Amino acid sequence: MDVKTTLREQMQAMHDTLEAAVADCNPEAVARKLPGSTINSIGAIYAHTIFSEDGILNFMIRGQAPVYMKDGWTPKIGIEMPQGGMEPDWSINMDLPLFRGYAAAVYNATDEYLASASDAELDRVVDLKFSPPMPVSSIFGNVLAWHAATHQGEVSALKGVTGVNGLVMTH
């Protein structure tokens, strides 16, 4: 198997797992922040994960506007796209089904990019400014996939502490 195929499969698996984690969340679960905790709500974690992938891929790697702006999601979603990391007290109001539509558009952009990327493009070194410069392939394998997996774990754990099954996987 080649690197491109591996990265596409890895990102698809991470997307599927993250979506499985949020799929059954009701509006209260999406908005709830645990009292006295330093972790954000499920909605804030999910939004941060999707905004990050969109910004890293489309702005930092491709040098173009993120899907959020380019495809007109800004007025639909009504959540300001952060310009940096996720603050512990970030509070958002999210229409989860609508936001999942935006996430699907980001996932599609990711897959289209990887499907068409040449070996030279995957080897191109990019400086993300928050980590050492690295090849595009490493950004996918070591930043974006890891990021989605880590935050999916947070979402699942938050669901678990509220008495809901953290992650239901269907195959």
C-alpha atoms as a PDB file:
ATOM      1  CA  MET A   1       0.000   0.000   0.000  1.00  0.00           C
ATOM      2  CA  ASP A   2       1.281   3.467  -0.819  1.00  0.00           C
ATOM      3  CA  VAL A   3       1.485   6.479   1.498  1.00  0.00           C
ATOM      4  CA  LYS A   4      -1.414   8.296  -0.149  1.00  0.00           C
ATOM      5  CA  THR A   5      -3.769   5.337   0.261  1.00  0.00           C
ATOM      6  CA  THR A   6      -2.669   4.831   3.854  1.00  0.00           C
ATOM      7  CA  LEU A   7      -3.257   8.501   4.712  1.00  0.00           C
ATOM      8  CA  ARG A   8      -6.676   8.509   3.044  1.00  0.00           C
ATOM      9  CA  GLU A   9      -7.715   5.382   4.949  1.00  0.00           C
ATOM     10  CA  GLN A  10      -6.324   6.744   8.214  1.00  0.00           C
ATOM     11  CA  MET A  11      -8.171  10.055   7.861  1.00  0.00           C
ATOM     12  CA  GLN A  12     -11.401   8.288   6.852  1.00  0.00           C
ATOM     13  CA  ALA A  13     -11.178   6.066   9.928  1.00  0.00           C
ATOM     14  CA  MET A  14     -10.588   9.073  12.184  1.00  0.00           C
ATOM     15  CA  HIS A  15     -13.492  10.957  10.602  1.00  0.00           C
ATOM     16  CA  ASP A  16     -15.801   7.962  10.974  1.00  0.00           C
ATOM     17  CA  THR A  17     -14.847   7.475  14.615  1.00  0.00           C
ATOM     18  CA  LEU A  18     -15.284  11.153  15.483  1.00  0.00           C
ATOM     19  CA  GLU A  19     -18.681  11.226  13.772  1.00  0.00           C
ATOM     20  CA  ALA A  20     -19.722   8.047  15.597  1.00  0.00           C
ATOM     21  CA  ALA A  21     -18.814   9.745  18.873  1.00  0.00           C
ATOM     22  CA  VAL A  22     -20.978  12.822  18.257  1.00  0.00           C
ATOM     23  CA  ALA A  23     -23.813  11.237  16.261  1.00  0.00           C
ATOM     24  CA  ASP A  24     -26.112  10.500  19.186  1.00  0.00           C
ATOM     25  CA  CYS A  25     -25.404  13.639  21.217  1.00  0.00           C
ATOM     26  CA  ASN A  26     -28.453  15.682  22.110  1.00  0.00           C
ATOM     27  CA  PRO A  27     -28.268  19.507  22.364  1.00  0.00           C
ATOM     28  CA  GLU A  28     -27.796  19.381  26.146  1.00  0.00           C
ATOM     29  CA  ALA A  29     -24.859  16.982  25.861  1.00  0.00           C
ATOM     30  CA  VAL A  30     -23.279  19.119  23.127  1.00  0.00           C
ATOM     31  CA  ALA A  31     -23.465  22.280  25.262  1.00  0.00           C
ATOM     32  CA  ARG A  32     -22.734  20.863  28.726  1.00  0.00           C
ATOM     33  CA  LYS A  33     -19.497  21.812  30.430  1.00  0.00           C
ATOM     34  CA  LEU A  34     -18.717  19.744  33.514  1.00  0.00           C
ATOM     35  CA  PRO A  35     -18.694  21.904  36.647  1.00  0.00           C
ATOM     36  CA  GLY A  36     -15.211  22.571  37.962  1.00  0.00           C
ATOM     37  CA  SER A  37     -13.542  20.932  34.970  1.00  0.00           C
ATOM     38  CA  THR A  38     -10.855  22.288  32.677  1.00  0.00           C
ATOM     39  CA  ILE A  39     -12.240  20.488  29.616  1.00  0.00           C
ATOM     40  CA  ASN A  40     -14.599  22.164  27.175  1.00  0.00           C
ATOM     41  CA  SER A  41     -18.025  20.994  26.095  1.00  0.00           C
ATOM     42  CA  ILE A  42     -18.471  18.293  23.468  1.00  0.00           C
ATOM     43  CA  GLY A  43     -19.589  20.975  21.009  1.00  0.00           C
ATOM     44  CA  ALA A  44     -16.498  23.119  21.583  1.00  0.00           C
ATOM     45  CA  ILE A  45     -14.177  20.113  21.249  1.00  0.00           C
ATOM     46  CA  TYR A  46     -15.899  18.938  18.070  1.00  0.00           C
ATOM     47  CA  ALA A  47     -15.904  22.438  16.536  1.00  0.00           C
ATOM     48  CA  HIS A  48     -12.221  22.911  17.414  1.00  0.00           C
ATOM     49  CA  THR A  49     -11.326  19.596  15.765  1.00  0.00           C
ATOM     50  CA  ILE A  50     -13.149  20.392  12.519  1.00  0.00           C
ATOM     51  CA  PHE A  51     -12.020  24.036  12.374  1.00  0.00           C
ATOM     52  CA  SER A  52      -8.431  22.877  12.932  1.00  0.00           C
ATOM     53  CA  GLU A  53      -8.489  20.358  10.098  1.00  0.00           C
ATOM     54  CA  ASP A  54     -10.047  22.927   7.764  1.00  0.00           C
ATOM     55  CA  GLY A  55      -7.536  25.631   8.716  1.00  0.00           C
ATOM     56  CA  ILE A  56      -4.462  23.406   8.652  1.00  0.00           C
ATOM     57  CA  LEU A  57      -5.335  21.744   5.340  1.00  0.00           C
ATOM     58  CA  ASN A  58      -6.840  24.570   3.391  1.00  0.00           C
ATOM     59  CA  PHE A  59      -5.095  27.639   4.774  1.00  0.00           C
ATOM     60  CA  MET A  60      -1.723  26.402   6.035  1.00  0.00           C
ATOM     61  CA  ILE A  61      -1.017  23.591   3.551  1.00  0.00           C
ATOM     62  CA  ARG A  62      -2.922  24.720   0.452  1.00  0.00           C
ATOM     63  CA  GLY A  63      -2.670  28.477   0.999  1.00  0.00           C
ATOM     64  CA  GLN A  64      -6.334  29.135   0.298  1.00  0.00           C
ATOM     65  CA  ALA A  65      -9.472  30.045   2.217  1.00  0.00           C
ATOM     66  CA  PRO A  66     -10.837  27.374   4.548  1.00  0.00           C
ATOM     67  CA  VAL A  67     -14.001  25.533   3.469  1.00  0.00           C
ATOM     68  CA  TYR A  68     -15.795  27.400   6.264  1.00  0.00           C
ATOM     69  CA  MET A  69     -15.307  30.714   4.463  1.00  0.00           C
ATOM     70  CA  LYS A  70     -14.985  29.611   0.847  1.00  0.00           C
ATOM     71  CA  ASP A  71     -18.191  27.562   0.792  1.00  0.00           C
ATOM     72  CA  GLY A  72     -20.345  30.008   2.759  1.00  0.00           C
ATOM     73  CA  TRP A  73     -20.623  28.107   6.058  1.00  0.00           C
ATOM     74  CA  THR A  74     -19.913  31.208   8.172  1.00  0.00           C
ATOM     75  CA  PRO A  75     -23.436  32.710   8.060  1.00  0.00           C
ATOM     76  CA  LYS A  76     -25.087  29.275   8.276  1.00  0.00           C
ATOM     77  CA  ILE A  77     -23.180  28.059  11.338  1.00  0.00           C
ATOM     78  CA  GLY A  78     -22.891  31.337  13.206  1.00  0.00           C
ATOM     79  CA  ILE A  79     -19.775  30.318  15.151  1.00  0.00           C
ATOM     80  CA  GLU A  80     -16.654  32.407  14.668  1.00  0.00           C
ATOM     81  CA  MET A  81     -13.768  30.296  13.338  1.00  0.00           C
ATOM     82  CA  PRO A  82     -10.975  30.645  15.926  1.00  0.00           C
ATOM     83  CA  GLN A  83      -7.569  31.838  14.763  1.00  0.00           C
ATOM     84  CA  GLY A  84      -5.610  29.714  17.233  1.00  0.00           C
ATOM     85  CA  GLY A  85      -6.024  26.989  19.798  1.00  0.00           C
ATOM     86  CA  MET A  86      -9.077  26.192  21.864  1.00  0.00           C
ATOM     87  CA  GLU A  87      -9.440  28.208  25.060  1.00  0.00           C
ATOM     88  CA  PRO A  88     -10.676  26.266  28.115  1.00  0.00           C
ATOM     89  CA  ASP A  89     -13.661  28.579  28.549  1.00  0.00           C
ATOM     90  CA  TRP A  90     -14.741  28.676  24.888  1.00  0.00           C
ATOM     91  CA  SER A  91     -18.514  28.503  24.951  1.00  0.00           C
ATOM     92  CA  ILE A  92     -20.444  28.011  21.732  1.00  0.00           C
ATOM     93  CA  ASN A  93     -24.011  27.464  20.683  1.00  0.00           C
ATOM     94  CA  MET A  94     -24.073  24.707  18.078  1.00  0.00           C
ATOM     95  CA  ASP A  95     -26.685  23.208  15.783  1.00  0.00           C
ATOM     96  CA  LEU A  96     -25.006  19.788  15.680  1.00  0.00           C
ATOM     97  CA  PRO A  97     -26.700  18.434  12.514  1.00  0.00           C
ATOM     98  CA  LEU A  98     -25.810  21.621  10.632  1.00  0.00           C
ATOM     99  CA  PHE A  99     -22.237  21.603  11.932  1.00  0.00           C
ATOM    100  CA  ARG A 100     -21.902  17.949  10.911  1.00  0.00           C
ATOM    101  CA  GLY A 101     -22.748  19.070   7.366  1.00  0.00           C
ATOM    102  CA  TYR A 102     -19.812  21.463   7.505  1.00  0.00           C
ATOM    103  CA  ALA A 103     -17.623  18.671   8.921  1.00  0.00           C
ATOM    104  CA  ALA A 104     -18.609  16.444   5.970  1.00  0.00           C
ATOM    105  CA  ALA A 105     -17.537  19.211   3.571  1.00  0.00           C
ATOM    106  CA  VAL A 106     -14.157  19.447   5.357  1.00  0.00           C
ATOM    107  CA  TYR A 107     -13.745  15.661   5.234  1.00  0.00           C
ATOM    108  CA  ASN A 108     -14.524  15.711   1.527  1.00  0.00           C
ATOM    109  CA  ALA A 109     -11.933  18.450   0.929  1.00  0.00           C
ATOM    110  CA  THR A 110      -9.376  16.415   2.869  1.00  0.00           C
ATOM    111  CA  ASP A 111     -10.030  13.272   0.856  1.00  0.00           C
ATOM    112  CA  GLU A 112     -10.030  15.134  -2.476  1.00  0.00           C
ATOM    113  CA  TYR A 113      -6.722  16.768  -1.598  1.00  0.00           C
ATOM    114  CA  LEU A 114      -5.096  13.486  -0.588  1.00  0.00           C
ATOM    115  CA  ALA A 115      -6.475  11.675  -3.636  1.00  0.00           C
ATOM    116  CA  SER A 116      -4.936  14.229  -5.991  1.00  0.00           C
ATOM    117  CA  ALA A 117      -1.687  14.993  -4.112  1.00  0.00           C
ATOM    118  CA  SER A 118       1.497  14.018  -5.897  1.00  0.00           C
ATOM    119  CA  ASP A 119       4.395  12.373  -4.094  1.00  0.00           C
ATOM    120  CA  ALA A 120       6.260  15.681  -4.355  1.00  0.00           C
ATOM    121  CA  GLU A 121       3.331  17.468  -2.704  1.00  0.00           C
ATOM    122  CA  LEU A 122       3.210  14.928   0.144  1.00  0.00           C
ATOM    123  CA  ASP A 123       6.976  15.407   0.606  1.00  0.00           C
ATOM    124  CA  ARG A 124       6.734  19.228   0.626  1.00  0.00           C
ATOM    125  CA  VAL A 125       7.779  20.669   3.990  1.00  0.00           C
ATOM    126  CA  VAL A 126       5.318  23.066   5.638  1.00  0.00           C
ATOM    127  CA  ASP A 127       5.860  25.172   8.743  1.00  0.00           C
ATOM    128  CA  LEU A 128       2.650  25.118  10.792  1.00  0.00           C
ATOM    129  CA  LYS A 129       4.204  27.582  13.288  1.00  0.00           C
ATOM    130  CA  PHE A 130       3.079  25.511  16.293  1.00  0.00           C
ATOM    131  CA  SER A 131       5.335  22.514  15.574  1.00  0.00           C
ATOM    132  CA  PRO A 132       8.619  21.933  13.760  1.00  0.00           C
ATOM    133  CA  PRO A 133       8.373  22.143   9.949  1.00  0.00           C
ATOM    134  CA  MET A 134       7.462  18.757   8.494  1.00  0.00           C
ATOM    135  CA  PRO A 135       6.380  17.093   5.248  1.00  0.00           C
ATOM    136  CA  VAL A 136       2.688  17.282   4.354  1.00  0.00           C
ATOM    137  CA  SER A 137       2.403  13.496   4.755  1.00  0.00           C
ATOM    138  CA  SER A 138       3.630  13.824   8.352  1.00  0.00           C
ATOM    139  CA  ILE A 139       1.137  16.604   9.038  1.00  0.00           C
ATOM    140  CA  PHE A 140      -1.646  14.194   8.103  1.00  0.00           C
ATOM    141  CA  GLY A 141      -0.203  11.169   9.875  1.00  0.00           C
ATOM    142  CA  ASN A 142       1.152  12.894  12.974  1.00  0.00           C
ATOM    143  CA  VAL A 143      -0.974  16.015  13.448  1.00  0.00           C
ATOM    144  CA  LEU A 144      -4.429  15.760  11.848  1.00  0.00           C
ATOM    145  CA  ALA A 145      -5.161  12.069  12.461  1.00  0.00           C
ATOM    146  CA  TRP A 146      -3.736  12.212  15.980  1.00  0.00           C
ATOM    147  CA  HIS A 147      -5.709  15.391  16.694  1.00  0.00           C
ATOM    148  CA  ALA A 148      -9.029  13.860  15.606  1.00  0.00           C
ATOM    149  CA  ALA A 149      -8.362  10.660  17.551  1.00  0.00           C
ATOM    150  CA  THR A 150      -7.412  12.527  20.723  1.00  0.00           C
ATOM    151  CA  HIS A 151     -10.452  14.767  20.668  1.00  0.00           C
ATOM    152  CA  GLN A 152     -12.746  11.848  19.792  1.00  0.00           C
ATOM    153  CA  GLY A 153     -11.499  10.247  22.990  1.00  0.00           C
ATOM    154  CA  GLU A 154     -12.398  13.383  24.956  1.00  0.00           C
ATOM    155  CA  VAL A 155     -15.886  13.435  23.446  1.00  0.00           C
ATOM    156  CA  SER A 156     -16.398   9.762  24.275  1.00  0.00           C
ATOM    157  CA  ALA A 157     -15.128  10.239  27.840  1.00  0.00           C
ATOM    158  CA  LEU A 158     -17.429  13.236  28.372  1.00  0.00           C
ATOM    159  CA  LYS A 159     -20.359  11.165  27.168  1.00  0.00           C
ATOM    160  CA  GLY A 160     -19.325   8.354  29.496  1.00  0.00           C
ATOM    161  CA  VAL A 161     -19.225  10.508  32.640  1.00  0.00           C
ATOM    162  CA  THR A 162     -22.779  11.630  31.921  1.00  0.00           C
ATOM    163  CA  GLY A 163     -24.024   8.046  31.740  1.00  0.00           C
ATOM    164  CA  VAL A 164     -24.182   7.727  27.965  1.00  0.00           C
ATOM    165  CA  ASN A 165     -22.245   5.081  26.053  1.00  0.00           C
ATOM    166  CA  GLY A 166     -19.097   6.893  24.975  1.00  0.00           C
ATOM    167  CA  LEU A 167     -18.634   5.394  21.524  1.00  0.00           C
ATOM    168  CA  VAL A 168     -20.885   3.047  19.630  1.00  0.00           C
ATOM    169  CA  MET A 169     -19.059   1.619  16.657  1.00  0.00           C
ATOM    170  CA  THR A 170     -20.954   0.003  13.812  1.00  0.00           C
ATOM    171  CA  HIS A 171     -19.264  -1.951  11.064  1.00  0.00           C
END
